């Protein structure tokens, strides 16, 4: 009976360790995701500057009124 219990424990530990190894996110994919998000952020900044001519540094918020 002790052998059966130790086999169950061994199998449970093996399954837990295997699952943890498979579920762990590799660092390389985290870096790729971060690089991709940074690239998207830069593209969004560039597009907003092109589409909004009043979005220059030092200008007041909103359109400039001329009388």
Protein backbone atom coordinates (compact mmCIF):
# COMPACT_ATOMS: atom_id res chain seq x y z
CA UNK A 1 0.00 0.00 0.00
CA UNK A 2 2.89 2.36 0.75
CA UNK A 3 4.29 1.71 -2.73
CA UNK A 4 0.98 2.68 -4.31
CA UNK A 5 0.81 5.92 -2.31
CA UNK A 6 4.38 6.85 -3.25
CA UNK A 7 3.61 6.15 -6.91
CA UNK A 8 0.57 8.43 -6.72
CA UNK A 9 2.66 11.15 -5.11
CA UNK A 10 5.40 10.76 -7.70
CA UNK A 11 2.89 10.94 -10.54
CA UNK A 12 1.22 14.03 -9.04
CA UNK A 13 4.57 15.81 -8.65
CA UNK A 14 5.59 14.86 -12.18
CA UNK A 15 2.34 16.23 -13.61
CA UNK A 16 2.61 19.47 -11.63
CA UNK A 17 6.22 20.07 -12.68
CA UNK A 18 5.44 19.24 -16.33
CA UNK A 19 2.47 21.60 -16.34
CA UNK A 20 4.50 24.41 -14.80
CA UNK A 21 7.24 23.96 -17.39
CA UNK A 22 4.74 24.00 -20.26
CA UNK A 23 2.71 26.92 -18.94
CA UNK A 24 5.71 29.16 -18.30
CA UNK A 25 5.99 31.97 -20.86
CA UNK A 26 9.43 32.07 -22.47
CA UNK A 27 11.24 35.38 -21.97
CA UNK A 28 11.80 35.68 -25.71
CA UNK A 29 8.07 35.93 -26.44
CA UNK A 30 7.66 38.55 -23.69
CA UNK A 31 10.38 40.64 -25.34
CA UNK A 32 8.77 40.23 -28.76
CA UNK A 33 5.39 41.34 -27.39
CA UNK A 34 6.98 44.35 -25.71
CA UNK A 35 8.81 45.33 -28.90
CA UNK A 36 5.58 44.98 -30.90
CA UNK A 37 3.64 47.16 -28.45
CA UNK A 38 6.37 49.81 -28.52
CA UNK A 39 6.28 49.81 -32.32
CA UNK A 40 2.48 50.22 -32.33
CA UNK A 41 2.77 53.06 -29.83
CA UNK A 42 5.27 54.88 -32.06
CA UNK A 43 3.04 54.40 -35.10
CA UNK A 44 0.05 55.81 -33.21
CA UNK A 45 2.08 58.85 -32.15
CA UNK A 46 3.25 59.43 -35.72
CA UNK A 47 -0.28 59.09 -37.12
CA UNK A 48 -1.79 61.46 -34.57
CA UNK A 49 0.83 64.10 -35.39
CA UNK A 50 0.14 63.78 -39.12
CA UNK A 51 -3.64 63.93 -38.74
CA UNK A 52 -3.72 66.84 -36.31
CA UNK A 53 -1.76 69.87 -37.53
CA UNK A 54 -2.57 71.78 -34.29
CA UNK A 55 -0.76 69.11 -32.28
CA UNK A 56 2.59 70.83 -32.37
CA UNK A 57 4.65 71.37 -29.25
CA UNK A 58 4.06 74.64 -27.44
CA UNK A 59 0.69 75.41 -29.02
CA UNK A 60 -2.53 75.99 -27.11
CA UNK A 61 -5.08 73.21 -26.97
CA UNK A 62 -7.73 73.32 -29.67
CA UNK A 63 -7.91 75.16 -32.98
CA UNK A 64 -6.41 78.62 -33.34
CA UNK A 65 -8.98 81.35 -33.93
CA UNK A 66 -8.28 84.11 -36.39
CA UNK A 67 -10.53 87.19 -36.49
